[in-house]
N, C-alpha and C. Protein backbone atom coordinates (compact mmCIF):
# COMPACT_ATOMS: atom_id res chain seq x y z
N GLN A 1 116.63 79.35 103.08
CA GLN A 1 115.74 79.69 102.15
C GLN A 1 113.80 79.61 102.76
N VAL A 2 114.00 79.02 103.60
CA VAL A 2 112.72 79.56 104.28
C VAL A 2 112.23 80.65 104.95
N TYR A 3 113.02 81.67 105.89
CA TYR A 3 113.39 82.68 106.16
C TYR A 3 113.26 83.59 105.19
N HIS A 4 114.18 83.00 104.27
CA HIS A 4 114.18 84.45 102.75
C HIS A 4 112.69 84.14 102.07
N ASP A 5 112.16 82.83 102.12
CA ASP A 5 110.39 83.06 101.35
C ASP A 5 109.71 83.87 102.53
N LEU A 6 110.10 84.03 103.55
CA LEU A 6 108.75 84.48 104.80
C LEU A 6 109.14 86.06 104.68
N LEU A 7 110.10 86.05 104.30
CA LEU A 7 110.87 87.81 104.30
C LEU A 7 110.33 88.54 103.48
N ARG A 8 110.50 88.07 101.85
CA ARG A 8 110.08 87.94 101.16
C ARG A 8 108.17 88.15 100.68
N SER A 9 108.18 87.34 101.13
CA SER A 9 106.46 86.77 100.96
C SER A 9 105.87 87.98 102.24
N GLU A 10 106.59 88.09 102.96
CA GLU A 10 105.92 89.59 104.01
C GLU A 10 106.35 90.68 103.35
N GLU A 11 107.20 90.93 102.40
CA GLU A 11 107.06 92.05 101.76
C GLU A 11 106.32 92.42 100.63
N GLU A 12 106.06 91.90 100.31
CA GLU A 12 104.87 90.90 99.16
C GLU A 12 103.44 91.89 99.56
N PHE A 13 103.16 91.11 100.83
CA PHE A 13 102.04 91.43 101.73
C PHE A 13 102.12 93.14 102.05
N VAL A 14 103.02 93.43 102.88
CA VAL A 14 103.03 94.78 102.88
C VAL A 14 102.89 96.12 101.49
N ALA A 15 103.75 95.50 100.68
CA ALA A 15 103.19 96.34 99.50
C ALA A 15 101.82 95.89 98.90
N GLU A 16 101.11 95.04 98.98
CA GLU A 16 99.64 94.40 99.06
C GLU A 16 98.77 96.06 99.94
N LEU A 17 98.98 95.29 100.39
CA LEU A 17 98.46 96.57 101.65
C LEU A 17 98.89 97.87 101.66
N ARG A 18 100.09 98.32 101.22
CA ARG A 18 100.06 99.54 100.65
C ARG A 18 99.19 100.37 99.60
N THR A 19 98.70 99.73 98.63
CA THR A 19 98.25 99.42 97.26
C THR A 19 96.91 99.68 98.20
N CYS A 20 96.55 98.72 98.67
CA CYS A 20 95.34 99.08 98.93
C CYS A 20 94.93 100.52 100.02
N VAL A 21 95.65 101.02 100.85
CA VAL A 21 95.77 101.57 101.93
C VAL A 21 95.62 103.12 100.49
N ASP A 22 96.45 103.17 99.77
CA ASP A 22 96.71 104.41 98.90
C ASP A 22 95.53 104.63 97.69
N HIS A 23 94.90 103.05 97.34
CA HIS A 23 94.03 103.42 96.13
C HIS A 23 92.68 103.42 96.77
N TYR A 24 92.25 102.63 98.03
CA TYR A 24 91.10 102.12 98.23
C TYR A 24 90.71 103.18 99.85
N VAL A 25 91.81 102.76 100.62
CA VAL A 25 91.06 103.62 102.31
C VAL A 25 91.45 105.09 102.09
N ARG A 26 92.44 105.99 101.09
CA ARG A 26 92.39 106.80 100.87
C ARG A 26 91.49 107.24 100.20
N LEU A 27 90.99 106.78 99.23
CA LEU A 27 89.73 107.33 98.55
C LEU A 27 88.52 107.72 98.74
N LEU A 28 88.19 106.77 100.47
CA LEU A 28 87.38 107.02 101.16
C LEU A 28 87.41 108.43 101.73
N ASP A 29 88.71 108.69 102.08
CA ASP A 29 88.62 109.99 102.77
C ASP A 29 89.22 111.53 101.96
N ASP A 30 89.07 110.77 100.59
CA ASP A 30 88.40 112.39 99.74
C ASP A 30 87.32 113.17 99.85
N ILE A 31 87.01 114.17 100.11
CA ILE A 31 86.40 115.37 100.28
C ILE A 31 84.93 115.37 99.03
N ASN A 32 85.07 114.85 97.45
CA ASN A 32 84.68 114.49 96.64
C ASN A 32 84.61 113.24 96.75
N VAL A 33 83.60 112.39 98.30
CA VAL A 33 83.31 111.26 98.10
C VAL A 33 81.86 112.20 99.03
N PRO A 34 80.64 110.72 98.05
CA PRO A 34 78.91 111.07 98.05
C PRO A 34 79.00 111.09 99.93
N PRO A 35 77.85 111.08 100.70
CA PRO A 35 77.76 111.48 101.74
C PRO A 35 76.97 109.82 102.16
N GLN A 36 76.56 109.70 101.90
CA GLN A 36 76.00 107.63 101.61
C GLN A 36 77.21 107.00 101.86
N ILE A 37 78.28 107.41 100.91
CA ILE A 37 79.38 106.62 100.85
C ILE A 37 80.70 106.58 102.75
N ALA A 38 81.02 107.72 102.21
CA ALA A 38 81.58 108.75 103.89
C ALA A 38 80.89 108.75 105.05
N ALA A 39 79.28 108.21 104.69
CA ALA A 39 79.18 107.80 105.88
C ALA A 39 79.00 105.91 106.59
N GLN A 40 79.54 105.52 105.34
CA GLN A 40 80.20 103.96 105.74
C GLN A 40 82.03 103.68 105.87
N ARG A 41 82.07 105.01 105.91
CA ARG A 41 83.88 104.58 105.22
C ARG A 41 84.74 104.01 106.62
N GLU A 42 84.12 104.17 107.91
CA GLU A 42 84.58 102.47 109.24
C GLU A 42 84.55 101.52 108.20
N LYS A 43 83.32 100.67 108.61
CA LYS A 43 82.96 99.60 107.61
C LYS A 43 83.51 99.18 105.76
N LEU A 44 83.65 100.39 105.43
CA LEU A 44 84.34 100.14 104.22
C LEU A 44 86.01 100.18 104.05
N ALA A 45 86.18 101.16 105.08
CA ALA A 45 87.67 100.91 105.22
C ALA A 45 88.64 99.71 105.71
N LEU A 46 87.39 98.83 106.56
CA LEU A 46 87.57 97.95 107.35
C LEU A 46 88.95 98.42 108.94
N ASN A 47 90.19 97.65 108.59
CA ASN A 47 91.15 97.86 109.31
C ASN A 47 92.43 97.50 109.16
N ILE A 48 91.57 98.14 107.44
CA ILE A 48 93.60 97.93 105.95
C ILE A 48 94.66 99.29 106.83
N ALA A 49 94.44 99.96 107.37
CA ALA A 49 95.43 100.49 107.38
C ALA A 49 96.19 100.03 108.53
N GLU A 50 95.70 99.61 109.62
CA GLU A 50 95.94 99.39 111.00
C GLU A 50 96.88 98.12 110.09
N LEU A 51 96.28 97.02 109.81
CA LEU A 51 97.19 95.94 109.62
C LEU A 51 98.26 96.00 107.63
N TYR A 52 98.04 97.50 107.30
CA TYR A 52 98.97 97.23 107.18
C TYR A 52 100.43 98.53 107.69
N ASN A 53 100.21 99.49 109.36
CA ASN A 53 101.02 99.69 109.57
C ASN A 53 101.43 98.68 110.92
N PHE A 54 100.92 97.55 111.42
CA PHE A 54 101.20 96.42 111.39
C PHE A 54 101.91 95.17 111.12
N HIS A 55 101.91 95.10 110.22
CA HIS A 55 102.72 94.84 109.13
C HIS A 55 104.61 95.56 108.40
N ALA A 56 104.29 96.68 108.15
CA ALA A 56 105.13 97.54 107.88
C ALA A 56 106.06 98.16 108.98
N ASN A 57 105.19 98.61 109.87
CA ASN A 57 105.81 98.53 110.83
C ASN A 57 106.58 98.39 112.08
N VAL A 58 106.16 97.00 111.74
CA VAL A 58 106.10 95.90 113.07
C VAL A 58 106.75 94.42 112.57
N MET A 59 105.84 94.22 112.22
CA MET A 59 106.08 92.57 111.55
C MET A 59 107.39 93.03 110.91
N LEU A 60 107.30 93.00 109.59
CA LEU A 60 108.23 93.54 108.99
C LEU A 60 109.20 93.59 109.38
N LYS A 61 109.94 94.63 110.24
CA LYS A 61 110.89 94.97 111.50
C LYS A 61 111.73 93.44 112.79
N GLY A 62 110.26 93.09 112.58
CA GLY A 62 110.79 92.53 113.18
C GLY A 62 112.01 90.78 112.96
N LEU A 63 110.89 90.94 111.25
CA LEU A 63 111.48 89.65 110.57
C LEU A 63 113.31 90.28 110.25
N ASN A 64 113.95 91.49 109.61
CA ASN A 64 114.47 91.30 109.74
C ASN A 64 115.09 91.52 111.06
N TYR A 65 115.07 91.94 112.30
CA TYR A 65 116.09 92.25 113.14
C TYR A 65 116.97 90.52 113.00
N TYR A 66 115.80 89.43 113.07
CA TYR A 66 116.58 88.35 113.25
C TYR A 66 117.52 87.67 111.35
N SER A 67 117.39 88.61 111.06
CA SER A 67 118.42 88.41 109.70
C SER A 67 119.74 87.43 109.75
N ASP A 68 120.33 87.57 110.94
CA ASP A 68 121.53 87.49 111.16
C ASP A 68 121.10 86.19 111.81
N ASP A 69 119.76 85.73 112.30
CA ASP A 69 120.04 84.25 113.11
C ASP A 69 118.32 83.59 112.82
N PRO A 70 118.59 83.08 111.41
CA PRO A 70 116.64 83.20 111.25
C PRO A 70 116.23 81.95 111.90
N GLY A 71 116.86 81.48 112.68
CA GLY A 71 116.56 80.61 113.66
C GLY A 71 116.27 80.90 114.62
N LYS A 72 115.65 82.24 115.04
CA LYS A 72 114.98 82.71 116.14
C LYS A 72 113.88 83.46 115.32
N VAL A 73 113.64 83.70 113.93
CA VAL A 73 112.85 83.96 113.03
C VAL A 73 111.41 84.56 114.40
N GLY A 74 110.87 82.69 114.60
CA GLY A 74 110.01 82.10 115.52
C GLY A 74 109.63 83.82 116.79
N GLN A 75 110.31 83.99 117.11
CA GLN A 75 110.68 84.77 118.42
C GLN A 75 109.54 85.95 118.21
N THR A 76 109.89 86.41 116.96
CA THR A 76 108.97 87.22 116.65
C THR A 76 107.51 87.08 117.01
N PHE A 77 107.31 86.30 115.64
CA PHE A 77 105.82 85.56 115.85
C PHE A 77 105.27 85.14 116.92
N VAL A 78 105.85 84.74 118.63
CA VAL A 78 105.08 84.53 119.82
C VAL A 78 105.47 86.32 120.01
N ARG A 79 106.11 87.02 119.98
CA ARG A 79 106.29 88.01 120.79
C ARG A 79 104.93 89.51 120.39
N LEU A 80 104.70 89.09 118.59
CA LEU A 80 103.91 89.69 118.44
C LEU A 80 102.24 88.76 118.73
N GLU A 81 102.14 88.00 119.12
CA GLU A 81 100.94 86.90 119.49
C GLU A 81 99.82 87.93 119.32
N ARG A 82 99.54 88.95 120.17
CA ARG A 82 98.35 89.19 119.91
C ARG A 82 98.15 90.13 119.36
N ASP A 83 99.02 91.12 118.34
CA ASP A 83 99.05 91.35 116.87
C ASP A 83 98.31 90.93 116.23
N PHE A 84 98.12 89.90 115.91
CA PHE A 84 97.59 89.55 115.09
C PHE A 84 95.96 89.42 115.36
N ASP A 85 95.88 89.91 116.78
CA ASP A 85 94.39 90.10 116.60
C ASP A 85 93.38 91.25 115.80
N HIS A 86 94.60 91.64 114.77
CA HIS A 86 94.59 93.10 113.65
C HIS A 86 93.64 92.19 112.79
N HIS A 87 94.11 89.93 113.03
CA HIS A 87 93.48 89.92 111.50
C HIS A 87 91.98 89.12 112.04
N VAL A 88 91.83 88.59 112.89
CA VAL A 88 91.12 88.15 113.83
C VAL A 88 90.07 89.22 113.07
N GLN A 89 90.29 90.40 113.38
CA GLN A 89 88.32 91.80 113.30
C GLN A 89 88.39 91.80 111.77
N PHE A 90 89.61 91.85 111.10
CA PHE A 90 88.96 91.81 109.43
C PHE A 90 88.25 90.52 108.62
N PHE A 91 88.62 89.57 109.44
CA PHE A 91 88.63 88.85 108.19
C PHE A 91 86.47 88.46 109.66
N LYS A 92 86.13 88.85 110.58
CA LYS A 92 85.01 88.83 111.45
C LYS A 92 83.92 90.42 110.83
N ASP A 93 85.05 91.09 110.06
CA ASP A 93 83.93 92.55 109.54
C ASP A 93 83.78 91.70 107.36
N LEU A 94 84.81 91.28 107.50
CA LEU A 94 84.34 91.58 105.67
C LEU A 94 83.30 90.92 105.36
N PRO A 95 82.56 89.83 105.69
CA PRO A 95 81.83 89.62 105.69
C PRO A 95 80.24 90.93 104.89
N SER A 96 80.26 91.34 105.88
CA SER A 96 79.67 92.40 105.73
C SER A 96 79.95 93.82 104.86
N THR A 97 81.05 94.00 104.87
CA THR A 97 81.85 94.25 104.07
C THR A 97 81.00 94.40 102.54
N LEU A 98 81.78 93.26 102.44
CA LEU A 98 80.91 92.82 101.48
C LEU A 98 80.28 93.17 100.58
N GLU A 99 79.54 91.90 101.62
CA GLU A 99 77.83 92.47 101.44
C GLU A 99 77.84 94.07 100.66
N LEU A 100 77.71 95.35 101.82
CA LEU A 100 77.57 96.62 100.99
C LEU A 100 77.96 96.76 99.79
N LEU A 101 79.04 95.64 99.26
CA LEU A 101 79.87 96.28 98.53
C LEU A 101 78.88 96.31 97.04
N GLU A 102 78.16 95.39 97.60
CA GLU A 102 77.38 94.87 96.67
C GLU A 102 76.02 95.59 95.86
N GLN A 103 75.73 96.35 97.02
CA GLN A 103 74.69 97.13 97.20
C GLN A 103 74.81 98.66 96.15
N GLN A 104 73.85 99.22 96.08
CA GLN A 104 74.06 100.38 95.33
C GLN A 104 74.16 102.16 96.64
N PRO A 105 74.76 102.82 96.98
CA PRO A 105 75.80 103.34 95.76
C PRO A 105 77.14 103.08 95.63
N PHE A 106 77.48 101.79 96.74
CA PHE A 106 79.03 101.57 96.29
C PHE A 106 78.90 100.92 95.86
N LYS A 107 78.35 100.02 94.73
CA LYS A 107 78.58 99.17 93.78
C LYS A 107 79.23 100.11 92.64
N ASP A 108 78.58 100.83 92.40
CA ASP A 108 78.61 101.71 90.86
C ASP A 108 80.25 102.98 91.93
N PHE A 109 79.56 102.34 92.83
CA PHE A 109 81.19 103.99 93.00
C PHE A 109 81.94 103.36 93.00
N PHE A 110 82.51 101.89 93.20
CA PHE A 110 83.97 101.56 93.38
C PHE A 110 84.37 100.61 92.27
N GLN A 111 83.46 100.77 91.27
CA GLN A 111 84.11 100.01 90.24
C GLN A 111 84.63 101.11 89.42
């Protein structure tokens, strides 16, 4: 049951990250984005696409790999230990991005 909860949770997380990439990150790539917004694209997008790619293409596949032997699922976490640094970077950069989103013209653009 724990394995299935973990797998379902990871699938939901991947779906949420996909929504962020599709509706937020891709918006920043639109040709009609104001120059002030486009100039801050990297800061605004954080590493959401990178997190999505990791969870969708590596983590989720790793969890599915052990579906026949859920007792070994911990090996996925050990094997991918360094890849979780993507999360550290996200949370390190998040406060300054949130501050930026409270300023104009960013606040109006994303409402």
